[in-house]
């Protein structure tokens, strides 16, 4: 990974972590009691699934938009993405 993208990626991770901790501290159950550790773990699990689905959808939309203008470039991006994740 190049150094230009390292700093924004770290900042985004810190911000996401702070938001998760804030939501975990402020989250309450329906009866007004502070959320249990199990509920917090369940929240993190749901957040991870939602984040993965969102990233996949945005990547798909981006590649579809590129394919509308240049199919070869979209194919190259897809193959590069697959090789970066070790699936191709």
Protein backbone atom coordinates (compact mmCIF):
# COMPACT_ATOMS: atom_id res chain seq x y z
CA UNK A 1 0.00 0.00 0.00
CA UNK A 2 1.38 3.40 -0.87
CA UNK A 3 2.07 5.96 1.83
CA UNK A 4 -0.40 8.49 0.42
CA UNK A 5 -3.34 6.26 1.34
CA UNK A 6 -1.95 5.09 4.67
CA UNK A 7 -2.79 8.20 6.70
CA UNK A 8 -6.45 8.58 5.54
CA UNK A 9 -7.01 4.86 6.09
CA UNK A 10 -5.71 5.08 9.65
CA UNK A 11 -7.83 8.17 10.31
CA UNK A 12 -10.94 6.41 9.00
CA UNK A 13 -10.22 3.38 11.21
CA UNK A 14 -9.79 5.59 14.28
CA UNK A 15 -13.02 7.45 13.51
CA UNK A 16 -14.95 4.21 12.95
CA UNK A 17 -13.57 2.80 16.21
CA UNK A 18 -14.56 5.95 18.11
CA UNK A 19 -18.10 5.82 16.70
CA UNK A 20 -18.43 2.14 17.65
CA UNK A 21 -17.24 2.82 21.19
CA UNK A 22 -19.57 5.82 21.50
CA UNK A 23 -22.57 3.83 20.31
CA UNK A 24 -21.65 0.98 22.63
CA UNK A 25 -21.42 3.32 25.62
CA UNK A 26 -24.63 5.17 24.85
CA UNK A 27 -26.70 2.27 23.57
CA UNK A 28 -29.65 1.33 25.73
CA UNK A 29 -32.03 -1.58 25.69
CA UNK A 30 -35.78 -1.12 25.35
CA UNK A 31 -36.24 -1.11 29.14
CA UNK A 32 -33.77 1.75 29.65
CA UNK A 33 -30.93 -0.41 31.00
CA UNK A 34 -27.49 -0.01 29.50
CA UNK A 35 -26.85 -2.54 26.73
CA UNK A 36 -25.23 -5.80 27.77
CA UNK A 37 -21.87 -6.97 26.39
CA UNK A 38 -23.74 -9.58 24.33
CA UNK A 39 -25.81 -6.86 22.68
CA UNK A 40 -22.65 -4.89 21.93
CA UNK A 41 -21.01 -7.94 20.33
CA UNK A 42 -24.17 -8.56 18.33
CA UNK A 43 -24.11 -4.91 17.23
CA UNK A 44 -20.47 -5.26 16.09
CA UNK A 45 -21.33 -8.43 14.18
CA UNK A 46 -24.22 -6.71 12.42
CA UNK A 47 -22.06 -3.67 11.69
CA UNK A 48 -19.37 -5.87 10.11
CA UNK A 49 -21.92 -7.62 7.90
CA UNK A 50 -23.51 -4.33 6.88
CA UNK A 51 -20.14 -2.77 6.12
CA UNK A 52 -19.10 -5.74 3.98
CA UNK A 53 -22.36 -5.65 2.00
CA UNK A 54 -22.09 -1.88 1.51
CA UNK A 55 -18.50 -2.05 0.29
CA UNK A 56 -19.42 -4.86 -2.11
CA UNK A 57 -22.38 -2.91 -3.47
CA UNK A 58 -20.39 0.30 -3.96
CA UNK A 59 -17.60 -1.64 -5.69
CA UNK A 60 -20.14 -3.31 -7.98
CA UNK A 61 -21.79 0.00 -8.86
CA UNK A 62 -18.39 1.55 -9.55
CA UNK A 63 -17.31 -1.30 -11.84
CA UNK A 64 -20.67 -1.21 -13.64
CA UNK A 65 -20.28 2.52 -14.25
CA UNK A 66 -16.76 2.00 -15.60
CA UNK A 67 -18.00 -0.87 -17.79
CA UNK A 68 -20.56 1.44 -19.41
CA UNK A 69 -17.80 3.61 -20.80
CA UNK A 70 -14.88 1.18 -21.14
CA UNK A 71 -15.51 -2.55 -20.77
CA UNK A 72 -11.83 -3.47 -21.06
CA UNK A 73 -10.81 -1.10 -18.23
CA UNK A 74 -13.54 -2.51 -15.98
CA UNK A 75 -12.37 -6.04 -16.73
CA UNK A 76 -8.79 -5.10 -15.87
CA UNK A 77 -9.92 -3.47 -12.61
CA UNK A 78 -11.93 -6.56 -11.68
CA UNK A 79 -9.01 -8.87 -12.40
CA UNK A 80 -6.69 -6.61 -10.39
CA UNK A 81 -9.16 -6.61 -7.49
CA UNK A 82 -9.42 -10.39 -7.57
CA UNK A 83 -5.65 -10.82 -7.61
CA UNK A 84 -5.26 -8.36 -4.71
CA UNK A 85 -7.60 -10.49 -2.63
CA UNK A 86 -5.86 -13.68 -3.71
CA UNK A 87 -8.75 -15.20 -5.64
CA UNK A 88 -7.44 -14.98 -9.15
